[in-house]
PDB file of N, CA and C in Angstrom:
ATOM      1  N   MET A   1       5.479   2.509  -8.477  1.00  0.00           N
ATOM      2  CA  MET A   1       5.992   1.116  -8.928  1.00  0.00           C
ATOM      3  C   MET A   1       5.500   0.153  -8.140  1.00  0.00           C
ATOM      4  N   CYS A   2       5.073  -0.944  -8.766  1.00  0.00           N
ATOM      5  CA  CYS A   2       4.170  -1.974  -8.069  1.00  0.00           C
ATOM      6  C   CYS A   2       5.162  -3.228  -8.591  1.00  0.00           C
ATOM      7  N   ARG A   3       5.066  -4.239  -7.696  1.00  0.00           N
ATOM      8  CA  ARG A   3       5.648  -5.548  -7.903  1.00  0.00           C
ATOM      9  C   ARG A   3       4.782  -6.568  -7.834  1.00  0.00           C
ATOM     10  N   PRO A   4       4.667  -7.564  -8.495  1.00  0.00           N
ATOM     11  CA  PRO A   4       3.822  -8.845  -8.198  1.00  0.00           C
ATOM     12  C   PRO A   4       4.379  -9.541  -7.074  1.00  0.00           C
ATOM     13  N   ILE A   5       3.490 -10.304  -6.396  1.00  0.00           N
ATOM     14  CA  ILE A   5       3.805 -10.980  -5.244  1.00  0.00           C
ATOM     15  C   ILE A   5       3.103 -12.415  -5.519  1.00  0.00           C
ATOM     16  N   GLU A   6       3.543 -13.316  -4.755  1.00  0.00           N
ATOM     17  CA  GLU A   6       2.907 -14.685  -4.790  1.00  0.00           C
ATOM     18  C   GLU A   6       1.500 -14.670  -3.993  1.00  0.00           C
ATOM     19  N   GLN A   7       0.704 -15.665  -4.356  1.00  0.00           N
ATOM     20  CA  GLN A   7      -0.459 -15.520  -3.724  1.00  0.00           C
ATOM     21  C   GLN A   7      -0.466 -15.726  -2.060  1.00  0.00           C
ATOM     22  N   LEU A   8      -1.006 -14.978  -1.312  1.00  0.00           N
ATOM     23  CA  LEU A   8      -0.931 -14.818   0.152  1.00  0.00           C
ATOM     24  C   LEU A   8      -2.026 -15.664   0.771  1.00  0.00           C
ATOM     25  N   SER A   9      -1.753 -16.238   1.909  1.00  0.00           N
ATOM     26  CA  SER A   9      -2.751 -16.921   2.748  1.00  0.00           C
ATOM     27  C   SER A   9      -3.881 -15.932   3.290  1.00  0.00           C
ATOM     28  N   GLN A  10      -5.065 -16.608   3.267  1.00  0.00           N
ATOM     29  CA  GLN A  10      -6.138 -15.926   3.817  1.00  0.00           C
ATOM     30  C   GLN A  10      -6.199 -15.567   5.098  1.00  0.00           C
ATOM     31  N   GLU A  11      -5.072 -16.138   5.745  1.00  0.00           N
ATOM     32  CA  GLU A  11      -4.965 -15.938   7.361  1.00  0.00           C
ATOM     33  C   GLU A  11      -4.271 -14.576   7.634  1.00  0.00           C
ATOM     34  N   PHE A  12      -3.664 -14.085   6.635  1.00  0.00           N
ATOM     35  CA  PHE A  12      -2.873 -12.952   6.872  1.00  0.00           C
ATOM     36  C   PHE A  12      -4.080 -11.633   7.022  1.00  0.00           C
ATOM     37  N   LYS A  13      -3.878 -10.814   8.073  1.00  0.00           N
ATOM     38  CA  LYS A  13      -4.779  -9.654   8.297  1.00  0.00           C
ATOM     39  C   LYS A  13      -4.008  -8.372   8.338  1.00  0.00           C
ATOM     40  N   SER A  14      -2.769  -8.385   8.334  1.00  0.00           N
ATOM     41  CA  SER A  14      -1.925  -7.122   8.417  1.00  0.00           C
ATOM     42  C   SER A  14      -0.773  -7.306   7.656  1.00  0.00           C
ATOM     43  N   VAL A  15      -0.212  -6.021   7.398  1.00  0.00           N
ATOM     44  CA  VAL A  15       1.045  -5.826   6.495  1.00  0.00           C
ATOM     45  C   VAL A  15       1.906  -4.941   7.437  1.00  0.00           C
ATOM     46  N   ARG A  16       3.300  -5.203   7.407  1.00  0.00           N
ATOM     47  CA  ARG A  16       4.327  -4.519   7.988  1.00  0.00           C
ATOM     48  C   ARG A  16       5.494  -4.154   6.852  1.00  0.00           C
ATOM     49  N   ILE A  17       5.693  -2.773   6.868  1.00  0.00           N
ATOM     50  CA  ILE A  17       6.695  -2.291   5.994  1.00  0.00           C
ATOM     51  C   ILE A  17       7.865  -1.579   6.783  1.00  0.00           C
ATOM     52  N   ARG A  18       8.886  -1.780   6.154  1.00  0.00           N
ATOM     53  CA  ARG A  18      10.182  -1.167   6.861  1.00  0.00           C
ATOM     54  C   ARG A  18      10.749  -0.253   5.694  1.00  0.00           C
ATOM     55  N   VAL A  19      10.603   1.085   5.887  1.00  0.00           N
ATOM     56  CA  VAL A  19      11.003   1.936   5.035  1.00  0.00           C
ATOM     57  C   VAL A  19      12.109   3.176   5.480  1.00  0.00           C
ATOM     58  N   LYS A  20      12.731   3.689   4.604  1.00  0.00           N
ATOM     59  CA  LYS A  20      13.627   4.862   4.973  1.00  0.00           C
ATOM     60  C   LYS A  20      13.244   5.981   3.966  1.00  0.00           C
ATOM     61  N   GLY A  21      12.624   7.245   4.411  1.00  0.00           N
ATOM     62  CA  GLY A  21      12.080   8.075   3.561  1.00  0.00           C
ATOM     63  C   GLY A  21      12.870   9.489   3.551  1.00  0.00           C
ATOM     64  N   ASP A  22      11.923  10.436   3.182  1.00  0.00           N
ATOM     65  CA  ASP A  22      12.822  11.875   3.135  1.00  0.00           C
ATOM     66  C   ASP A  22      11.735  12.873   3.679  1.00  0.00           C
ATOM     67  N   GLY A  23      10.746  12.373   4.524  1.00  0.00           N
ATOM     68  CA  GLY A  23       9.945  13.396   5.239  1.00  0.00           C
ATOM     69  C   GLY A  23       8.707  13.516   4.537  1.00  0.00           C
ATOM     70  N   LYS A  24       8.647  13.050   3.405  1.00  0.00           N
ATOM     71  CA  LYS A  24       7.290  13.335   2.537  1.00  0.00           C
ATOM     72  C   LYS A  24       6.157  12.306   2.760  1.00  0.00           C
ATOM     73  N   LEU A  25       4.859  12.450   2.171  1.00  0.00           N
ATOM     74  CA  LEU A  25       3.865  11.343   2.409  1.00  0.00           C
ATOM     75  C   LEU A  25       3.783  10.499   1.233  1.00  0.00           C
ATOM     76  N   TYR A  26       3.474   9.357   1.618  1.00  0.00           N
ATOM     77  CA  TYR A  26       3.440   8.252   0.605  1.00  0.00           C
ATOM     78  C   TYR A  26       2.286   7.389   0.741  1.00  0.00           C
ATOM     79  N   GLN A  27       2.044   6.506  -0.232  1.00  0.00           N
ATOM     80  CA  GLN A  27       0.968   5.644   0.009  1.00  0.00           C
ATOM     81  C   GLN A  27       1.496   4.172  -0.446  1.00  0.00           C
ATOM     82  N   LEU A  28       1.053   3.239   0.469  1.00  0.00           N
ATOM     83  CA  LEU A  28       1.303   1.876   0.096  1.00  0.00           C
ATOM     84  C   LEU A  28       0.065   1.484  -0.472  1.00  0.00           C
ATOM     85  N   ARG A  29       0.284   0.707  -1.718  1.00  0.00           N
ATOM     86  CA  ARG A  29      -0.896   0.430  -2.635  1.00  0.00           C
ATOM     87  C   ARG A  29      -0.844  -1.028  -2.905  1.00  0.00           C
ATOM     88  N   MET A  30      -1.983  -1.612  -2.999  1.00  0.00           N
ATOM     89  CA  MET A  30      -2.096  -3.071  -3.265  1.00  0.00           C
ATOM     90  C   MET A  30      -3.367  -3.199  -4.224  1.00  0.00           C
ATOM     91  N   ARG A  31      -3.224  -3.882  -5.478  1.00  0.00           N
ATOM     92  CA  ARG A  31      -4.192  -4.169  -6.413  1.00  0.00           C
ATOM     93  C   ARG A  31      -4.792  -5.563  -6.396  1.00  0.00           C
ATOM     94  N   THR A  32      -6.017  -5.435  -6.589  1.00  0.00           N
ATOM     95  CA  THR A  32      -6.675  -6.813  -6.892  1.00  0.00           C
ATOM     96  C   THR A  32      -7.599  -6.765  -8.023  1.00  0.00           C
ATOM     97  N   GLN A  33      -7.963  -7.852  -8.518  1.00  0.00           N
ATOM     98  CA  GLN A  33      -8.852  -8.042  -9.544  1.00  0.00           C
ATOM     99  C   GLN A  33     -10.259  -8.375  -8.851  1.00  0.00           C
ATOM    100  N   THR A  34     -11.117  -7.477  -8.951  1.00  0.00           N
ATOM    101  CA  THR A  34     -12.383  -7.780  -8.272  1.00  0.00           C
ATOM    102  C   THR A  34     -13.633  -7.525  -9.446  1.00  0.00           C
ATOM    103  N   MET A  35     -14.393  -8.545  -9.489  1.00  0.00           N
ATOM    104  CA  MET A  35     -15.619  -8.342 -10.387  1.00  0.00           C
ATOM    105  C   MET A  35     -15.129  -7.917 -11.840  1.00  0.00           C
ATOM    106  N   GLY A  36     -13.973  -8.433 -12.374  1.00  0.00           N
ATOM    107  CA  GLY A  36     -13.473  -7.929 -13.519  1.00  0.00           C
ATOM    108  C   GLY A  36     -12.755  -6.485 -13.801  1.00  0.00           C
ATOM    109  N   TYR A  37     -12.557  -5.924 -12.531  1.00  0.00           N
ATOM    110  CA  TYR A  37     -11.879  -4.631 -12.399  1.00  0.00           C
ATOM    111  C   TYR A  37     -10.762  -4.657 -11.747  1.00  0.00           C
ATOM    112  N   ASP A  38      -9.785  -3.818 -12.068  1.00  0.00           N
ATOM    113  CA  ASP A  38      -8.475  -3.466 -11.047  1.00  0.00           C
ATOM    114  C   ASP A  38      -8.802  -2.485 -10.160  1.00  0.00           C
ATOM    115  N   ILE A  39      -8.894  -3.007  -8.924  1.00  0.00           N
ATOM    116  CA  ILE A  39      -9.231  -2.147  -7.739  1.00  0.00           C
ATOM    117  C   ILE A  39      -7.864  -1.862  -6.949  1.00  0.00           C
ATOM    118  N   THR A  40      -7.635  -0.612  -6.703  1.00  0.00           N
ATOM    119  CA  THR A  40      -6.462  -0.242  -5.935  1.00  0.00           C
ATOM    120  C   THR A  40      -6.891   0.034  -4.465  1.00  0.00           C
ATOM    121  N   TYR A  41      -6.166  -0.665  -3.488  1.00  0.00           N
ATOM    122  CA  TYR A  41      -6.394  -0.302  -2.040  1.00  0.00           C
ATOM    123  C   TYR A  41      -5.151   0.405  -1.485  1.00  0.00           C
ATOM    124  N   LYS A  42      -5.388   1.583  -0.801  1.00  0.00           N
ATOM    125  CA  LYS A  42      -4.456   2.276  -0.430  1.00  0.00           C
ATOM    126  C   LYS A  42      -4.510   2.807   0.973  1.00  0.00           C
ATOM    127  N   ILE A  43      -3.277   3.078   1.582  1.00  0.00           N
ATOM    128  CA  ILE A  43      -3.082   3.704   2.925  1.00  0.00           C
ATOM    129  C   ILE A  43      -2.066   4.732   2.840  1.00  0.00           C
ATOM    130  N   ASN A  44      -2.303   5.807   3.455  1.00  0.00           N
ATOM    131  CA  ASN A  44      -1.279   6.826   3.535  1.00  0.00           C
ATOM    132  C   ASN A  44      -0.333   6.666   4.626  1.00  0.00           C
ATOM    133  N   PHE A  45       0.967   7.177   4.529  1.00  0.00           N
ATOM    134  CA  PHE A  45       1.689   7.122   5.637  1.00  0.00           C
ATOM    135  C   PHE A  45       2.959   8.178   5.455  1.00  0.00           C
ATOM    136  N   ALA A  46       3.329   8.689   6.547  1.00  0.00           N
ATOM    137  CA  ALA A  46       4.216   9.744   6.566  1.00  0.00           C
ATOM    138  C   ALA A  46       5.833   9.055   6.785  1.00  0.00           C
ATOM    139  N   THR A  47       6.830   9.687   6.184  1.00  0.00           N
ATOM    140  CA  THR A  47       8.224   9.281   6.471  1.00  0.00           C
ATOM    141  C   THR A  47       8.724  10.294   7.335  1.00  0.00           C
ATOM    142  N   SER A  48       9.883   9.785   7.932  1.00  0.00           N
ATOM    143  CA  SER A  48      10.816  10.627   8.772  1.00  0.00           C
ATOM    144  C   SER A  48      12.084  10.711   7.928  1.00  0.00           C
ATOM    145  N   GLU A  49      12.654  12.038   7.747  1.00  0.00           N
ATOM    146  CA  GLU A  49      13.798  12.151   6.843  1.00  0.00           C
ATOM    147  C   GLU A  49      14.898  11.319   7.285  1.00  0.00           C
ATOM    148  N   ASN A  50      15.385  10.533   6.518  1.00  0.00           N
ATOM    149  CA  ASN A  50      16.738   9.931   6.809  1.00  0.00           C
ATOM    150  C   ASN A  50      16.596   8.706   7.895  1.00  0.00           C
ATOM    151  N   SER A  51      15.293   8.437   8.201  1.00  0.00           N
ATOM    152  CA  SER A  51      15.261   7.552   9.312  1.00  0.00           C
ATOM    153  C   SER A  51      14.464   6.315   9.001  1.00  0.00           C
ATOM    154  N   MET A  52      15.108   5.155   9.263  1.00  0.00           N
ATOM    155  CA  MET A  52      14.256   3.944   9.093  1.00  0.00           C
ATOM    156  C   MET A  52      13.242   3.646  10.008  1.00  0.00           C
ATOM    157  N   GLN A  53      11.990   3.316   9.473  1.00  0.00           N
ATOM    158  CA  GLN A  53      10.706   3.198  10.146  1.00  0.00           C
ATOM    159  C   GLN A  53      10.144   1.782   9.947  1.00  0.00           C
ATOM    160  N   THR A  54       9.586   1.380  11.019  1.00  0.00           N
ATOM    161  CA  THR A  54       8.683  -0.050  10.750  1.00  0.00           C
ATOM    162  C   THR A  54       7.189   0.487  11.055  1.00  0.00           C
ATOM    163  N   LEU A  55       6.410   0.277   9.965  1.00  0.00           N
ATOM    164  CA  LEU A  55       5.042   0.738  10.135  1.00  0.00           C
ATOM    165  C   LEU A  55       4.079  -0.512   9.837  1.00  0.00           C
ATOM    166  N   ASN A  56       2.980  -0.595  10.734  1.00  0.00           N
ATOM    167  CA  ASN A  56       2.112  -1.660  10.685  1.00  0.00           C
ATOM    168  C   ASN A  56       0.823  -1.143  10.273  1.00  0.00           C
ATOM    169  N   PHE A  57       0.029  -2.002   9.292  1.00  0.00           N
ATOM    170  CA  PHE A  57      -1.248  -1.608   8.959  1.00  0.00           C
ATOM    171  C   PHE A  57      -2.074  -2.650   8.813  1.00  0.00           C
ATOM    172  N   ASN A  58      -3.341  -2.698   9.305  1.00  0.00           N
ATOM    173  CA  ASN A  58      -4.346  -3.672   9.217  1.00  0.00           C
ATOM    174  C   ASN A  58      -4.900  -3.522   7.788  1.00  0.00           C
ATOM    175  N   LEU A  59      -5.059  -4.641   7.049  1.00  0.00           N
ATOM    176  CA  LEU A  59      -5.597  -4.717   5.778  1.00  0.00           C
ATOM    177  C   LEU A  59      -6.994  -4.164   5.638  1.00  0.00           C
ATOM    178  N   SER A  60      -7.803  -4.100   6.733  1.00  0.00           N
ATOM    179  CA  SER A  60      -9.096  -3.725   6.968  1.00  0.00           C
ATOM    180  C   SER A  60      -9.166  -2.157   6.946  1.00  0.00           C
ATOM    181  N   ASP A  61      -7.964  -1.537   7.137  1.00  0.00           N
ATOM    182  CA  ASP A  61      -8.015  -0.119   7.164  1.00  0.00           C
ATOM    183  C   ASP A  61      -7.662   0.528   5.643  1.00  0.00           C
ATOM    184  N   PHE A  62      -7.196  -0.370   4.737  1.00  0.00           N
ATOM    185  CA  PHE A  62      -7.123   0.434   3.385  1.00  0.00           C
ATOM    186  C   PHE A  62      -8.400   0.735   2.886  1.00  0.00           C
ATOM    187  N   GLN A  63      -8.077   1.655   1.875  1.00  0.00           N
ATOM    188  CA  GLN A  63      -9.331   2.298   1.339  1.00  0.00           C
ATOM    189  C   GLN A  63      -9.170   1.909  -0.217  1.00  0.00           C
ATOM    190  N   ALA A  64     -10.348   1.513  -0.729  1.00  0.00           N
ATOM    191  CA  ALA A  64     -10.323   1.224  -2.104  1.00  0.00           C
ATOM    192  C   ALA A  64     -10.658   2.178  -3.121  1.00  0.00           C
ATOM    193  N   SER A  65     -10.020   2.258  -4.159  1.00  0.00           N
ATOM    194  CA  SER A  65     -10.322   3.185  -5.275  1.00  0.00           C
ATOM    195  C   SER A  65     -10.199   2.648  -6.549  1.00  0.00           C
ATOM    196  N   PHE A  66     -11.117   3.059  -7.511  1.00  0.00           N
ATOM    197  CA  PHE A  66     -11.242   2.806  -8.913  1.00  0.00           C
ATOM    198  C   PHE A  66     -11.023   4.001  -9.830  1.00  0.00           C
ATOM    199  N   ARG A  67      -9.918   3.955 -10.635  1.00  0.00           N
ATOM    200  CA  ARG A  67      -9.683   5.253 -11.595  1.00  0.00           C
ATOM    201  C   ARG A  67      -9.612   6.423 -10.565  1.00  0.00           C
ATOM    202  N   ALA A  68      -9.025   6.422  -9.525  1.00  0.00           N
ATOM    203  CA  ALA A  68      -8.832   7.637  -8.654  1.00  0.00           C
ATOM    204  C   ALA A  68     -10.124   7.958  -7.876  1.00  0.00           C
ATOM    205  N   ARG A  69     -11.139   7.330  -7.850  1.00  0.00           N
ATOM    206  CA  ARG A  69     -12.323   7.574  -7.070  1.00  0.00           C
ATOM    207  C   ARG A  69     -12.612   6.437  -6.062  1.00  0.00           C
ATOM    208  N   VAL A  70     -12.709   7.127  -4.729  1.00  0.00           N
ATOM    209  CA  VAL A  70     -12.916   6.392  -3.791  1.00  0.00           C
ATOM    210  C   VAL A  70     -14.233   5.345  -3.835  1.00  0.00           C
ATOM    211  N   MET A  71     -14.051   4.303  -3.446  1.00  0.00           N
ATOM    212  CA  MET A  71     -15.203   3.192  -3.523  1.00  0.00           C
ATOM    213  C   MET A  71     -15.621   2.793  -2.117  1.00  0.00           C
ATOM    214  N   SER A  72     -16.755   3.453  -1.629  1.00  0.00           N
ATOM    215  CA  SER A  72     -17.122   3.559  -0.237  1.00  0.00           C
ATOM    216  C   SER A  72     -17.867   2.035   0.020  1.00  0.00           C
ATOM    217  N   ASP A  73     -18.266   1.441  -1.176  1.00  0.00           N
ATOM    218  CA  ASP A  73     -19.166   0.179  -0.864  1.00  0.00           C
ATOM    219  C   ASP A  73     -18.141  -1.078  -1.405  1.00  0.00           C
ATOM    220  N   ALA A  74     -16.979  -0.857  -1.429  1.00  0.00           N
ATOM    221  CA  ALA A  74     -16.068  -1.942  -1.725  1.00  0.00           C
ATOM    222  C   ALA A  74     -15.836  -3.014  -0.706  1.00  0.00           C
ATOM    223  N   VAL A  75     -15.507  -4.401  -1.031  1.00  0.00           N
ATOM    224  CA  VAL A  75     -15.198  -5.410   0.102  1.00  0.00           C
ATOM    225  C   VAL A  75     -13.821  -4.873   0.762  1.00  0.00           C
ATOM    226  N   VAL A  76     -13.988  -5.375   1.905  1.00  0.00           N
ATOM    227  CA  VAL A  76     -12.459  -5.165   2.748  1.00  0.00           C
ATOM    228  C   VAL A  76     -11.543  -5.931   1.852  1.00  0.00           C
ATOM    229  N   LEU A  77     -10.227  -5.277   1.927  1.00  0.00           N
ATOM    230  CA  LEU A  77      -9.132  -5.933   1.269  1.00  0.00           C
ATOM    231  C   LEU A  77      -8.659  -7.263   2.134  1.00  0.00           C
ATOM    232  N   LYS A  78      -8.724  -8.397   1.225  1.00  0.00           N
ATOM    233  CA  LYS A  78      -8.193  -9.641   1.825  1.00  0.00           C
ATOM    234  C   LYS A  78      -6.983 -10.112   1.175  1.00  0.00           C
ATOM    235  N   ALA A  79      -6.005 -10.621   1.993  1.00  0.00           N
ATOM    236  CA  ALA A  79      -4.759 -10.888   1.596  1.00  0.00           C
ATOM    237  C   ALA A  79      -4.658 -11.867   0.378  1.00  0.00           C
ATOM    238  N   GLU A  80      -5.429 -12.855   0.229  1.00  0.00           N
ATOM    239  CA  GLU A  80      -5.601 -13.761  -0.888  1.00  0.00           C
ATOM    240  C   GLU A  80      -5.890 -13.217  -2.090  1.00  0.00           C
ATOM    241  N   ILE A  81      -6.489 -12.072  -2.294  1.00  0.00           N
ATOM    242  CA  ILE A  81      -6.819 -11.443  -3.616  1.00  0.00           C
ATOM    243  C   ILE A  81      -5.724 -10.458  -4.065  1.00  0.00           C
ATOM    244  N   ILE A  82      -4.781 -10.115  -3.306  1.00  0.00           N
ATOM    245  CA  ILE A  82      -3.676  -9.010  -3.516  1.00  0.00           C
ATOM    246  C   ILE A  82      -2.832  -9.666  -4.676  1.00  0.00           C
ATOM    247  N   SER A  83      -2.619  -8.801  -5.672  1.00  0.00           N
ATOM    248  CA  SER A  83      -1.749  -9.077  -6.716  1.00  0.00           C
ATOM    249  C   SER A  83      -0.357  -8.283  -6.663  1.00  0.00           C
ATOM    250  N   PRO A  84      -0.257  -7.138  -7.195  1.00  0.00           N
ATOM    251  CA  PRO A  84       0.805  -6.410  -7.194  1.00  0.00           C
ATOM    252  C   PRO A  84       0.763  -5.420  -5.953  1.00  0.00           C
ATOM    253  N   VAL A  85       2.162  -5.097  -5.248  1.00  0.00           N
ATOM    254  CA  VAL A  85       2.172  -4.097  -4.213  1.00  0.00           C
ATOM    255  C   VAL A  85       3.159  -3.173  -4.573  1.00  0.00           C
ATOM    256  N   GLY A  86       2.872  -1.983  -4.231  1.00  0.00           N
ATOM    257  CA  GLY A  86       3.841  -0.705  -4.427  1.00  0.00           C
ATOM    258  C   GLY A  86       3.514   0.331  -3.616  1.00  0.00           C
ATOM    259  N   PHE A  87       4.460   1.529  -4.013  1.00  0.00           N
ATOM    260  CA  PHE A  87       4.337   2.697  -3.123  1.00  0.00           C
ATOM    261  C   PHE A  87       4.226   3.729  -4.284  1.00  0.00           C
ATOM    262  N   LEU A  88       3.622   4.985  -3.785  1.00  0.00           N
ATOM    263  CA  LEU A  88       3.245   6.164  -4.637  1.00  0.00           C
ATOM    264  C   LEU A  88       3.427   7.281  -3.672  1.00  0.00           C
ATOM    265  N   ILE A  89       4.190   8.339  -4.189  1.00  0.00           N
ATOM    266  CA  ILE A  89       4.257   9.477  -3.374  1.00  0.00           C
ATOM    267  C   ILE A  89       3.018  10.175  -3.727  1.00  0.00           C
ATOM    268  N   THR A  90       2.333  10.776  -2.651  1.00  0.00           N
ATOM    269  CA  THR A  90       1.117  11.433  -2.778  1.00  0.00           C
ATOM    270  C   THR A  90       1.083  12.854  -3.447  1.00  0.00           C
ATOM    271  N   THR A  91      -0.118  13.230  -3.960  1.00  0.00           N
ATOM    272  CA  THR A  91      -0.173  14.282  -4.901  1.00  0.00           C
ATOM    273  C   THR A  91       0.376  15.690  -4.443  1.00  0.00           C
ATOM    274  N   LYS A  92       0.655  16.357  -5.457  1.00  0.00           N
ATOM    275  CA  LYS A  92       0.983  17.980  -4.852  1.00  0.00           C
ATOM    276  C   LYS A  92       2.117  18.049  -3.965  1.00  0.00           C
ATOM    277  N   GLN A  93       3.164  17.018  -4.232  1.00  0.00           N
ATOM    278  CA  GLN A  93       4.483  17.305  -3.637  1.00  0.00           C
ATOM    279  C   GLN A  93       5.547  17.530  -4.660  1.00  0.00           C
ATOM    280  N   ALA A  94       5.808  18.676  -4.967  1.00  0.00           N
ATOM    281  CA  ALA A  94       6.827  19.090  -5.900  1.00  0.00           C
ATOM    282  C   ALA A  94       8.329  18.624  -5.473  1.00  0.00           C
ATOM    283  N   GLY A  95       9.178  18.299  -6.440  1.00  0.00           N
ATOM    284  CA  GLY A  95      10.670  18.111  -6.107  1.00  0.00           C
ATOM    285  C   GLY A  95      10.928  16.652  -6.223  1.00  0.00           C
ATOM    286  N   ASP A  96      12.159  16.399  -5.825  1.00  0.00           N
ATOM    287  CA  ASP A  96      12.894  15.170  -5.703  1.00  0.00           C
ATOM    288  C   ASP A  96      12.090  14.459  -4.599  1.00  0.00           C
ATOM    289  N   PHE A  97      12.330  13.066  -4.675  1.00  0.00           N
ATOM    290  CA  PHE A  97      11.805  12.398  -3.557  1.00  0.00           C
ATOM    291  C   PHE A  97      12.815  11.041  -3.443  1.00  0.00           C
ATOM    292  N   SER A  98      12.731  10.591  -2.130  1.00  0.00           N
ATOM    293  CA  SER A  98      13.585   9.341  -1.812  1.00  0.00           C
ATOM    294  C   SER A  98      12.777   8.376  -0.787  1.00  0.00           C
ATOM    295  N   LEU A  99      12.434   7.289  -1.318  1.00  0.00           N
ATOM    296  CA  LEU A  99      11.852   6.167  -0.505  1.00  0.00           C
ATOM    297  C   LEU A  99      12.644   4.874  -0.832  1.00  0.00           C
ATOM    298  N   SER A 100      13.143   4.110   0.424  1.00  0.00           N
ATOM    299  CA  SER A 100      13.720   2.787   0.105  1.00  0.00           C
ATOM    300  C   SER A 100      12.931   1.869   1.057  1.00  0.00           C
ATOM    301  N   SER A 101      12.523   0.565   0.532  1.00  0.00           N
ATOM    302  CA  SER A 101      12.116  -0.343   1.496  1.00  0.00           C
ATOM    303  C   SER A 101      12.926  -1.541   1.562  1.00  0.00           C
ATOM    304  N   SER A 102      13.038  -2.014   2.886  1.00  0.00           N
ATOM    305  CA  SER A 102      13.822  -3.155   3.137  1.00  0.00           C
ATOM    306  C   SER A 102      13.087  -4.261   3.397  1.00  0.00           C
ATOM    307  N   ALA A 103      11.721  -4.187   3.826  1.00  0.00           N
ATOM    308  CA  ALA A 103      10.791  -5.398   3.839  1.00  0.00           C
ATOM    309  C   ALA A 103       9.534  -4.815   3.785  1.00  0.00           C
ATOM    310  N   ILE A 104       8.602  -5.759   3.156  1.00  0.00           N
ATOM    311  CA  ILE A 104       7.153  -5.746   3.189  1.00  0.00           C
ATOM    312  C   ILE A 104       6.727  -7.247   3.579  1.00  0.00           C
ATOM    313  N   GLU A 105       6.182  -7.375   4.857  1.00  0.00           N
ATOM    314  CA  GLU A 105       5.735  -8.581   5.546  1.00  0.00           C
ATOM    315  C   GLU A 105       4.254  -8.739   5.771  1.00  0.00           C
ATOM    316  N   PHE A 106       3.656  -9.688   5.288  1.00  0.00           N
ATOM    317  CA  PHE A 106       2.202  -9.954   5.759  1.00  0.00           C
ATOM    318  C   PHE A 106       2.229 -10.981   6.985  1.00  0.00           C
ATOM    319  N   TYR A 107       1.209 -10.694   7.743  1.00  0.00           N
ATOM    320  CA  TYR A 107       1.090 -11.539   8.879  1.00  0.00           C
ATOM    321  C   TYR A 107      -0.375 -11.607   9.443  1.00  0.00           C
TER     322      TYR A 107
END
């Protein structure tokens, strides 16, 4: 699920999320429009079952992909080009899942 966000300042270099999960692996995903294409930037994170966690990520650590293919030559993610932000459960994890987010902050 992705949510649109207001345009961010170019000063932001990191993102902090506050999540409560189920012990499964997830991705924080951010989309951009680059050269006429929707590029997804993603970073994996593990959750602890029924435990609230605060996780910090540098935007420069996000991995770019296009149509599920890693783009090793993509530009580094910049805050001012991010449009929607969302979460995705990583592949090959069968069964129910539960992830709630109480904050997504850029700094």
